[in-house]
Amino acid sequence: MQGGDTMALLNSLWPFVLMGGIFYFMLWKPQKKEQQKRQDLLNSLKEGDEIITIGGIYGKITAISEKRVKVEVAEGVVIEMARNAISGFQNPAKNS
């Protein structure tokens, strides 16, 4: 391979390197940030928190374990669900 061929090869690779950089900063990095934010939310859950599930159910946490939570959705009605089924707090300003 001669010097000109090597330069042509390197010049043809620049668009792929650039696209990889764009992919990282526009897609992958924000996704990682969002995952960390969600993990922080799940780690901060405690009894008494008013939450919303991914299915749109509103309730109050009555018991919590490593993988499951018990949520009171109406007076005397408690359901058990996976901890990662929680979407967020009902009042984010109060719980942040």
PDB file of N, CA and C in Angstrom:
ATOM      1  N   MET A   1       0.845  -1.173   0.000  1.00  0.00           N
ATOM      2  CA  MET A   1       0.000   0.000   0.000  1.00  0.00           C
ATOM      3  C   MET A   1       0.889   1.234   0.000  1.00  0.00           C
ATOM      4  N   GLN A   2       0.556   2.182  -0.782  1.00  0.00           N
ATOM      5  CA  GLN A   2       1.353   3.400  -0.878  1.00  0.00           C
ATOM      6  C   GLN A   2       0.757   4.477   0.011  1.00  0.00           C
ATOM      7  N   GLY A   3       1.503   5.566   0.191  1.00  0.00           N
ATOM      8  CA  GLY A   3       1.069   6.663   1.050  1.00  0.00           C
ATOM      9  C   GLY A   3      -0.256   7.264   0.627  1.00  0.00           C
ATOM     10  N   GLY A   4      -0.470   7.405  -0.670  1.00  0.00           N
ATOM     11  CA  GLY A   4      -1.726   7.975  -1.173  1.00  0.00           C
ATOM     12  C   GLY A   4      -2.916   7.078  -0.877  1.00  0.00           C
ATOM     13  N   ASP A   5      -2.704   5.771  -0.964  1.00  0.00           N
ATOM     14  CA  ASP A   5      -3.784   4.830  -0.660  1.00  0.00           C
ATOM     15  C   ASP A   5      -4.163   4.883   0.822  1.00  0.00           C
ATOM     16  N   THR A   6      -3.180   5.016   1.671  1.00  0.00           N
ATOM     17  CA  THR A   6      -3.435   5.098   3.110  1.00  0.00           C
ATOM     18  C   THR A   6      -4.222   6.361   3.444  1.00  0.00           C
ATOM     19  N   MET A   7      -3.840   7.469   2.854  1.00  0.00           N
ATOM     20  CA  MET A   7      -4.560   8.728   3.098  1.00  0.00           C
ATOM     21  C   MET A   7      -5.989   8.647   2.580  1.00  0.00           C
ATOM     22  N   ALA A   8      -6.181   8.018   1.434  1.00  0.00           N
ATOM     23  CA  ALA A   8      -7.529   7.873   0.885  1.00  0.00           C
ATOM     24  C   ALA A   8      -8.386   7.017   1.817  1.00  0.00           C
ATOM     25  N   LEU A   9      -7.798   5.968   2.374  1.00  0.00           N
ATOM     26  CA  LEU A   9      -8.521   5.111   3.316  1.00  0.00           C
ATOM     27  C   LEU A   9      -8.898   5.896   4.574  1.00  0.00           C
ATOM     28  N   LEU A  10      -7.949   6.653   5.111  1.00  0.00           N
ATOM     29  CA  LEU A  10      -8.233   7.451   6.309  1.00  0.00           C
ATOM     30  C   LEU A  10      -9.296   8.509   6.032  1.00  0.00           C
ATOM     31  N   ASN A  11      -9.228   9.147   4.877  1.00  0.00           N
ATOM     32  CA  ASN A  11     -10.224  10.159   4.517  1.00  0.00           C
ATOM     33  C   ASN A  11     -11.607   9.543   4.355  1.00  0.00           C
ATOM     34  N   SER A  12     -11.678   8.317   3.894  1.00  0.00           N
ATOM     35  CA  SER A  12     -12.988   7.685   3.724  1.00  0.00           C
ATOM     36  C   SER A  12     -13.562   7.214   5.065  1.00  0.00           C
ATOM     37  N   LEU A  13     -12.742   7.076   6.091  1.00  0.00           N
ATOM     38  CA  LEU A  13     -13.223   6.650   7.407  1.00  0.00           C
ATOM     39  C   LEU A  13     -13.759   7.799   8.256  1.00  0.00           C
ATOM     40  N   TRP A  14     -13.358   9.040   7.971  1.00  0.00           N
ATOM     41  CA  TRP A  14     -13.792  10.185   8.773  1.00  0.00           C
ATOM     42  C   TRP A  14     -15.307  10.313   8.896  1.00  0.00           C
ATOM     43  N   PRO A  15     -16.090  10.126   7.839  1.00  0.00           N
ATOM     44  CA  PRO A  15     -17.546  10.237   8.009  1.00  0.00           C
ATOM     45  C   PRO A  15     -18.105   9.225   9.013  1.00  0.00           C
ATOM     46  N   PHE A  16     -17.534   8.022   9.036  1.00  0.00           N
ATOM     47  CA  PHE A  16     -18.004   7.009   9.982  1.00  0.00           C
ATOM     48  C   PHE A  16     -17.626   7.363  11.419  1.00  0.00           C
ATOM     49  N   VAL A  17     -16.443   7.911  11.602  1.00  0.00           N
ATOM     50  CA  VAL A  17     -16.014   8.352  12.929  1.00  0.00           C
ATOM     51  C   VAL A  17     -16.907   9.497  13.397  1.00  0.00           C
ATOM     52  N   LEU A  18     -17.190  10.421  12.525  1.00  0.00           N
ATOM     53  CA  LEU A  18     -18.058  11.552  12.849  1.00  0.00           C
ATOM     54  C   LEU A  18     -19.468  11.076  13.199  1.00  0.00           C
ATOM     55  N   MET A  19     -19.998  10.152  12.422  1.00  0.00           N
ATOM     56  CA  MET A  19     -21.339   9.617  12.705  1.00  0.00           C
ATOM     57  C   MET A  19     -21.359   8.879  14.043  1.00  0.00           C
ATOM     58  N   GLY A  20     -20.284   8.171  14.355  1.00  0.00           N
ATOM     59  CA  GLY A  20     -20.192   7.491  15.650  1.00  0.00           C
ATOM     60  C   GLY A  20     -20.213   8.481  16.798  1.00  0.00           C
ATOM     61  N   GLY A  21     -19.494   9.592  16.647  1.00  0.00           N
ATOM     62  CA  GLY A  21     -19.491  10.634  17.672  1.00  0.00           C
ATOM     63  C   GLY A  21     -20.862  11.265  17.847  1.00  0.00           C
ATOM     64  N   ILE A  22     -21.516  11.537  16.743  1.00  0.00           N
ATOM     65  CA  ILE A  22     -22.866  12.110  16.801  1.00  0.00           C
ATOM     66  C   ILE A  22     -23.820  11.132  17.473  1.00  0.00           C
ATOM     67  N   PHE A  23     -23.728   9.863  17.100  1.00  0.00           N
ATOM     68  CA  PHE A  23     -24.574   8.830  17.704  1.00  0.00           C
ATOM     69  C   PHE A  23     -24.380   8.797  19.218  1.00  0.00           C
ATOM     70  N   TYR A  24     -23.133   8.854  19.662  1.00  0.00           N
ATOM     71  CA  TYR A  24     -22.846   8.799  21.093  1.00  0.00           C
ATOM     72  C   TYR A  24     -23.456   9.991  21.827  1.00  0.00           C
ATOM     73  N   PHE A  25     -23.204  11.206  21.343  1.00  0.00           N
ATOM     74  CA  PHE A  25     -23.640  12.397  22.069  1.00  0.00           C
ATOM     75  C   PHE A  25     -25.127  12.697  21.923  1.00  0.00           C
ATOM     76  N   MET A  26     -25.766  12.231  20.874  1.00  0.00           N
ATOM     77  CA  MET A  26     -27.189  12.537  20.697  1.00  0.00           C
ATOM     78  C   MET A  26     -28.106  11.412  21.167  1.00  0.00           C
ATOM     79  N   LEU A  27     -27.626  10.185  21.193  1.00  0.00           N
ATOM     80  CA  LEU A  27     -28.493   9.071  21.556  1.00  0.00           C
ATOM     81  C   LEU A  27     -28.045   8.336  22.813  1.00  0.00           C
ATOM     82  N   TRP A  28     -26.830   7.889  22.833  1.00  0.00           N
ATOM     83  CA  TRP A  28     -26.380   7.020  23.902  1.00  0.00           C
ATOM     84  C   TRP A  28     -26.205   7.761  25.231  1.00  0.00           C
ATOM     85  N   LYS A  29     -25.550   8.888  25.224  1.00  0.00           N
ATOM     86  CA  LYS A  29     -25.288   9.627  26.458  1.00  0.00           C
ATOM     87  C   LYS A  29     -26.589  10.090  27.133  1.00  0.00           C
ATOM     88  N   PRO A  30     -27.544  10.680  26.401  1.00  0.00           N
ATOM     89  CA  PRO A  30     -28.807  11.051  27.050  1.00  0.00           C
ATOM     90  C   PRO A  30     -29.567   9.840  27.605  1.00  0.00           C
ATOM     91  N   GLN A  31     -29.486   8.711  26.903  1.00  0.00           N
ATOM     92  CA  GLN A  31     -30.156   7.502  27.381  1.00  0.00           C
ATOM     93  C   GLN A  31     -29.545   7.038  28.704  1.00  0.00           C
ATOM     94  N   LYS A  32     -28.235   7.075  28.811  1.00  0.00           N
ATOM     95  CA  LYS A  32     -27.556   6.693  30.051  1.00  0.00           C
ATOM     96  C   LYS A  32     -27.968   7.628  31.191  1.00  0.00           C
ATOM     97  N   LYS A  33     -28.062   8.921  30.879  1.00  0.00           N
ATOM     98  CA  LYS A  33     -28.453   9.914  31.879  1.00  0.00           C
ATOM     99  C   LYS A  33     -29.876   9.637  32.372  1.00  0.00           C
ATOM    100  N   GLU A  34     -30.769   9.319  31.457  1.00  0.00           N
ATOM    101  CA  GLU A  34     -32.159   9.013  31.802  1.00  0.00           C
ATOM    102  C   GLU A  34     -32.243   7.734  32.640  1.00  0.00           C
ATOM    103  N   GLN A  35     -31.449   6.727  32.299  1.00  0.00           N
ATOM    104  CA  GLN A  35     -31.420   5.491  33.084  1.00  0.00           C
ATOM    105  C   GLN A  35     -30.950   5.764  34.510  1.00  0.00           C
ATOM    106  N   GLN A  36     -29.945   6.597  34.663  1.00  0.00           N
ATOM    107  CA  GLN A  36     -29.438   6.921  35.994  1.00  0.00           C
ATOM    108  C   GLN A  36     -30.492   7.678  36.802  1.00  0.00           C
ATOM    109  N   LYS A  37     -31.202   8.584  36.154  1.00  0.00           N
ATOM    110  CA  LYS A  37     -32.260   9.347  36.819  1.00  0.00           C
ATOM    111  C   LYS A  37     -33.367   8.410  37.310  1.00  0.00           C
ATOM    112  N   ARG A  38     -33.745   7.445  36.472  1.00  0.00           N
ATOM    113  CA  ARG A  38     -34.783   6.475  36.846  1.00  0.00           C
ATOM    114  C   ARG A  38     -34.303   5.596  38.000  1.00  0.00           C
ATOM    115  N   GLN A  39     -33.053   5.161  37.945  1.00  0.00           N
ATOM    116  CA  GLN A  39     -32.509   4.330  39.018  1.00  0.00           C
ATOM    117  C   GLN A  39     -32.482   5.105  40.333  1.00  0.00           C
ATOM    118  N   ASP A  40     -32.137   6.377  40.279  1.00  0.00           N
ATOM    119  CA  ASP A  40     -32.149   7.220  41.480  1.00  0.00           C
ATOM    120  C   ASP A  40     -33.562   7.331  42.046  1.00  0.00           C
ATOM    121  N   LEU A  41     -34.558   7.465  41.164  1.00  0.00           N
ATOM    122  CA  LEU A  41     -35.954   7.527  41.592  1.00  0.00           C
ATOM    123  C   LEU A  41     -36.334   6.241  42.318  1.00  0.00           C
ATOM    124  N   LEU A  42     -36.031   5.093  41.725  1.00  0.00           N
ATOM    125  CA  LEU A  42     -36.393   3.812  42.332  1.00  0.00           C
ATOM    126  C   LEU A  42     -35.667   3.594  43.657  1.00  0.00           C
ATOM    127  N   ASN A  43     -34.433   4.056  43.760  1.00  0.00           N
ATOM    128  CA  ASN A  43     -33.677   3.902  45.005  1.00  0.00           C
ATOM    129  C   ASN A  43     -34.178   4.826  46.110  1.00  0.00           C
ATOM    130  N   SER A  44     -34.825   5.925  45.742  1.00  0.00           N
ATOM    131  CA  SER A  44     -35.273   6.895  46.744  1.00  0.00           C
ATOM    132  C   SER A  44     -36.679   6.613  47.269  1.00  0.00           C
ATOM    133  N   LEU A  45     -37.342   5.581  46.765  1.00  0.00           N
ATOM    134  CA  LEU A  45     -38.702   5.275  47.209  1.00  0.00           C
ATOM    135  C   LEU A  45     -38.724   4.886  48.680  1.00  0.00           C
ATOM    136  N   LYS A  46     -39.786   5.325  49.370  1.00  0.00           N
ATOM    137  CA  LYS A  46     -39.950   4.965  50.777  1.00  0.00           C
ATOM    138  C   LYS A  46     -41.439   4.877  51.090  1.00  0.00           C
ATOM    139  N   GLU A  47     -41.758   4.252  52.205  1.00  0.00           N
ATOM    140  CA  GLU A  47     -43.155   4.125  52.611  1.00  0.00           C
ATOM    141  C   GLU A  47     -43.767   5.509  52.780  1.00  0.00           C
ATOM    142  N   GLY A  48     -45.000   5.641  52.316  1.00  0.00           N
ATOM    143  CA  GLY A  48     -45.707   6.914  52.423  1.00  0.00           C
ATOM    144  C   GLY A  48     -45.628   7.768  51.169  1.00  0.00           C
ATOM    145  N   ASP A  49     -44.714   7.441  50.252  1.00  0.00           N
ATOM    146  CA  ASP A  49     -44.610   8.202  48.999  1.00  0.00           C
ATOM    147  C   ASP A  49     -45.853   7.979  48.145  1.00  0.00           C
ATOM    148  N   GLU A  50     -46.349   9.049  47.565  1.00  0.00           N
ATOM    149  CA  GLU A  50     -47.475   8.961  46.637  1.00  0.00           C
ATOM    150  C   GLU A  50     -46.905   8.867  45.236  1.00  0.00           C
ATOM    151  N   ILE A  51     -47.252   7.774  44.535  1.00  0.00           N
ATOM    152  CA  ILE A  51     -46.603   7.457  43.266  1.00  0.00           C
ATOM    153  C   ILE A  51     -47.618   7.260  42.138  1.00  0.00           C
ATOM    154  N   ILE A  52     -47.092   7.196  40.931  1.00  0.00           N
ATOM    155  CA  ILE A  52     -47.856   6.849  39.733  1.00  0.00           C
ATOM    156  C   ILE A  52     -47.143   5.651  39.116  1.00  0.00           C
ATOM    157  N   THR A  53     -47.917   4.642  38.706  1.00  0.00           N
ATOM    158  CA  THR A  53     -47.306   3.473  38.073  1.00  0.00           C
ATOM    159  C   THR A  53     -47.221   3.685  36.566  1.00  0.00           C
ATOM    160  N   ILE A  54     -46.498   2.797  35.881  1.00  0.00           N
ATOM    161  CA  ILE A  54     -46.394   2.907  34.429  1.00  0.00           C
ATOM    162  C   ILE A  54     -47.730   2.621  33.756  1.00  0.00           C
ATOM    163  N   GLY A  55     -48.661   2.019  34.495  1.00  0.00           N
ATOM    164  CA  GLY A  55     -49.997   1.760  33.964  1.00  0.00           C
ATOM    165  C   GLY A  55     -50.976   2.891  34.253  1.00  0.00           C
ATOM    166  N   GLY A  56     -50.508   3.942  34.945  1.00  0.00           N
ATOM    167  CA  GLY A  56     -51.360   5.093  35.225  1.00  0.00           C
ATOM    168  C   GLY A  56     -52.135   4.995  36.526  1.00  0.00           C
ATOM    169  N   ILE A  57     -51.792   4.048  37.386  1.00  0.00           N
ATOM    170  CA  ILE A  57     -52.477   3.892  38.668  1.00  0.00           C
ATOM    171  C   ILE A  57     -51.804   4.787  39.705  1.00  0.00           C
ATOM    172  N   TYR A  58     -52.619   5.540  40.430  1.00  0.00           N
ATOM    173  CA  TYR A  58     -52.129   6.411  41.493  1.00  0.00           C
ATOM    174  C   TYR A  58     -52.279   5.682  42.820  1.00  0.00           C
ATOM    175  N   GLY A  59     -51.306   5.842  43.694  1.00  0.00           N
ATOM    176  CA  GLY A  59     -51.402   5.188  44.988  1.00  0.00           C
ATOM    177  C   GLY A  59     -50.336   5.670  45.945  1.00  0.00           C
ATOM    178  N   LYS A  60     -50.353   5.058  47.127  1.00  0.00           N
ATOM    179  CA  LYS A  60     -49.421   5.407  48.197  1.00  0.00           C
ATOM    180  C   LYS A  60     -48.698   4.136  48.633  1.00  0.00           C
ATOM    181  N   ILE A  61     -47.381   4.196  48.707  1.00  0.00           N
ATOM    182  CA  ILE A  61     -46.592   3.027  49.086  1.00  0.00           C
ATOM    183  C   ILE A  61     -46.823   2.721  50.565  1.00  0.00           C
ATOM    184  N   THR A  62     -47.212   1.458  50.843  1.00  0.00           N
ATOM    185  CA  THR A  62     -47.421   1.036  52.229  1.00  0.00           C
ATOM    186  C   THR A  62     -46.311   0.113  52.714  1.00  0.00           C
ATOM    187  N   ALA A  63     -45.662  -0.593  51.808  1.00  0.00           N
ATOM    188  CA  ALA A  63     -44.540  -1.475  52.166  1.00  0.00           C
ATOM    189  C   ALA A  63     -43.624  -1.564  50.960  1.00  0.00           C
ATOM    190  N   ILE A  64     -42.350  -1.763  51.231  1.00  0.00           N
ATOM    191  CA  ILE A  64     -41.385  -1.798  50.134  1.00  0.00           C
ATOM    192  C   ILE A  64     -40.309  -2.834  50.444  1.00  0.00           C
ATOM    193  N   SER A  65     -39.931  -3.591  49.417  1.00  0.00           N
ATOM    194  CA  SER A  65     -38.818  -4.535  49.538  1.00  0.00           C
ATOM    195  C   SER A  65     -37.883  -4.300  48.361  1.00  0.00           C
ATOM    196  N   GLU A  66     -36.916  -5.167  48.214  1.00  0.00           N
ATOM    197  CA  GLU A  66     -35.915  -4.959  47.170  1.00  0.00           C
ATOM    198  C   GLU A  66     -36.522  -4.953  45.766  1.00  0.00           C
ATOM    199  N   LYS A  67     -37.461  -5.863  45.495  1.00  0.00           N
ATOM    200  CA  LYS A  67     -38.008  -5.978  44.142  1.00  0.00           C
ATOM    201  C   LYS A  67     -39.493  -5.644  44.039  1.00  0.00           C
ATOM    202  N   ARG A  68     -40.187  -5.556  45.163  1.00  0.00           N
ATOM    203  CA  ARG A  68     -41.635  -5.341  45.135  1.00  0.00           C
ATOM    204  C   ARG A  68     -42.055  -4.215  46.067  1.00  0.00           C
ATOM    205  N   VAL A  69     -43.212  -3.645  45.746  1.00  0.00           N
ATOM    206  CA  VAL A  69     -43.819  -2.640  46.617  1.00  0.00           C
ATOM    207  C   VAL A  69     -45.294  -2.968  46.775  1.00  0.00           C
ATOM    208  N   LYS A  70     -45.847  -2.585  47.914  1.00  0.00           N
ATOM    209  CA  LYS A  70     -47.288  -2.677  48.128  1.00  0.00           C
ATOM    210  C   LYS A  70     -47.812  -1.253  48.090  1.00  0.00           C
ATOM    211  N   VAL A  71     -48.840  -1.064  47.271  1.00  0.00           N
ATOM    212  CA  VAL A  71     -49.379   0.270  47.039  1.00  0.00           C
ATOM    213  C   VAL A  71     -50.865   0.277  47.378  1.00  0.00           C
ATOM    214  N   GLU A  72     -51.261   1.227  48.212  1.00  0.00           N
ATOM    215  CA  GLU A  72     -52.676   1.402  48.525  1.00  0.00           C
ATOM    216  C   GLU A  72     -53.270   2.314  47.455  1.00  0.00           C
ATOM    217  N   VAL A  73     -54.211   1.768  46.672  1.00  0.00           N
ATOM    218  CA  VAL A  73     -54.793   2.526  45.564  1.00  0.00           C
ATOM    219  C   VAL A  73     -56.148   3.123  45.929  1.00  0.00           C
ATOM    220  N   ALA A  74     -56.767   2.598  46.955  1.00  0.00           N
ATOM    221  CA  ALA A  74     -58.011   3.133  47.503  1.00  0.00           C
ATOM    222  C   ALA A  74     -58.031   2.709  48.968  1.00  0.00           C
ATOM    223  N   GLU A  75     -58.924   3.275  49.745  1.00  0.00           N
ATOM    224  CA  GLU A  75     -58.962   2.943  51.159  1.00  0.00           C
ATOM    225  C   GLU A  75     -59.198   1.445  51.338  1.00  0.00           C
ATOM    226  N   GLY A  76     -58.221   0.776  51.944  1.00  0.00           N
ATOM    227  CA  GLY A  76     -58.329  -0.659  52.189  1.00  0.00           C
ATOM    228  C   GLY A  76     -57.976  -1.551  51.010  1.00  0.00           C
ATOM    229  N   VAL A  77     -57.605  -0.970  49.869  1.00  0.00           N
ATOM    230  CA  VAL A  77     -57.247  -1.757  48.683  1.00  0.00           C
ATOM    231  C   VAL A  77     -55.744  -1.617  48.442  1.00  0.00           C
ATOM    232  N   VAL A  78     -55.029  -2.717  48.673  1.00  0.00           N
ATOM    233  CA  VAL A  78     -53.573  -2.712  48.519  1.00  0.00           C
ATOM    234  C   VAL A  78     -53.201  -3.705  47.432  1.00  0.00           C
ATOM    235  N   ILE A  79     -52.389  -3.252  46.491  1.00  0.00           N
ATOM    236  CA  ILE A  79     -51.902  -4.143  45.437  1.00  0.00           C
ATOM    237  C   ILE A  79     -50.386  -4.253  45.553  1.00  0.00           C
ATOM    238  N   GLU A  80     -49.886  -5.410  45.137  1.00  0.00           N
ATOM    239  CA  GLU A  80     -48.442  -5.631  45.152  1.00  0.00           C
ATOM    240  C   GLU A  80     -47.951  -5.609  43.714  1.00  0.00           C
ATOM    241  N   MET A  81     -46.844  -4.933  43.487  1.00  0.00           N
ATOM    242  CA  MET A  81     -46.318  -4.821  42.122  1.00  0.00           C
ATOM    243  C   MET A  81     -44.800  -4.783  42.145  1.00  0.00           C
ATOM    244  N   ALA A  82     -44.230  -4.944  40.970  1.00  0.00           N
ATOM    245  CA  ALA A  82     -42.777  -4.850  40.830  1.00  0.00           C
ATOM    246  C   ALA A  82     -42.346  -3.412  41.097  1.00  0.00           C
ATOM    247  N   ARG A  83     -41.234  -3.270  41.746  1.00  0.00           N
ATOM    248  CA  ARG A  83     -40.715  -1.934  42.076  1.00  0.00           C
ATOM    249  C   ARG A  83     -40.460  -1.107  40.816  1.00  0.00           C
ATOM    250  N   ASN A  84     -39.983  -1.755  39.747  1.00  0.00           N
ATOM    251  CA  ASN A  84     -39.679  -1.004  38.526  1.00  0.00           C
ATOM    252  C   ASN A  84     -40.927  -0.640  37.726  1.00  0.00           C
ATOM    253  N   ALA A  85     -42.127  -0.979  38.238  1.00  0.00           N
ATOM    254  CA  ALA A  85     -43.369  -0.570  37.588  1.00  0.00           C
ATOM    255  C   ALA A  85     -43.786   0.838  38.008  1.00  0.00           C
ATOM    256  N   ILE A  86     -42.989   1.473  38.838  1.00  0.00           N
ATOM    257  CA  ILE A  86     -43.302   2.831  39.288  1.00  0.00           C
ATOM    258  C   ILE A  86     -42.710   3.827  38.303  1.00  0.00           C
ATOM    259  N   SER A  87     -43.564   4.735  37.855  1.00  0.00           N
ATOM    260  CA  SER A  87     -43.164   5.725  36.856  1.00  0.00           C
ATOM    261  C   SER A  87     -42.593   6.990  37.490  1.00  0.00           C
ATOM    262  N   GLY A  88     -43.179   7.407  38.596  1.00  0.00           N
ATOM    263  CA  GLY A  88     -42.719   8.637  39.227  1.00  0.00           C
ATOM    264  C   GLY A  88     -43.571   8.980  40.430  1.00  0.00           C
ATOM    265  N   PHE A  89     -43.311  10.148  40.982  1.00  0.00           N
ATOM    266  CA  PHE A  89     -44.069  10.641  42.121  1.00  0.00           C
ATOM    267  C   PHE A  89     -45.284  11.426  41.633  1.00  0.00           C
ATOM    268  N   GLN A  90     -46.361  11.413  42.432  1.00  0.00           N
ATOM    269  CA  GLN A  90     -47.543  12.197  42.075  1.00  0.00           C
ATOM    270  C   GLN A  90     -47.235  13.684  42.136  1.00  0.00           C
ATOM    271  N   ASN A  91     -46.439  14.074  43.098  1.00  0.00           N
ATOM    272  CA  ASN A  91     -46.070  15.478  43.264  1.00  0.00           C
ATOM    273  C   ASN A  91     -44.546  15.568  43.259  1.00  0.00           C
ATOM    274  N   PRO A  92     -43.928  15.662  42.073  1.00  0.00           N
ATOM    275  CA  PRO A  92     -42.463  15.633  41.986  1.00  0.00           C
ATOM    276  C   PRO A  92     -41.771  16.732  42.789  1.00  0.00           C
ATOM    277  N   ALA A  93     -42.364  17.904  42.897  1.00  0.00           N
ATOM    278  CA  ALA A  93     -41.729  19.013  43.615  1.00  0.00           C
ATOM    279  C   ALA A  93     -41.587  18.684  45.100  1.00  0.00           C
ATOM    280  N   LYS A  94     -42.567  17.986  45.644  1.00  0.00           N
ATOM    281  CA  LYS A  94     -42.561  17.627  47.054  1.00  0.00           C
ATOM    282  C   LYS A  94     -41.491  16.583  47.365  1.00  0.00           C
ATOM    283  N   ASN A  95     -41.264  15.646  46.434  1.00  0.00           N
ATOM    284  CA  ASN A  95     -40.370  14.520  46.689  1.00  0.00           C
ATOM    285  C   ASN A  95     -38.964  14.712  46.157  1.00  0.00           C
ATOM    286  N   SER A  96     -38.657  15.811  45.497  1.00  0.00           N
ATOM    287  CA  SER A  96     -37.301  15.963  44.949  1.00  0.00           C
ATOM    288  C   SER A  96     -36.396  16.739  45.850  1.00  0.00           C
TER     289      SER A  96
END
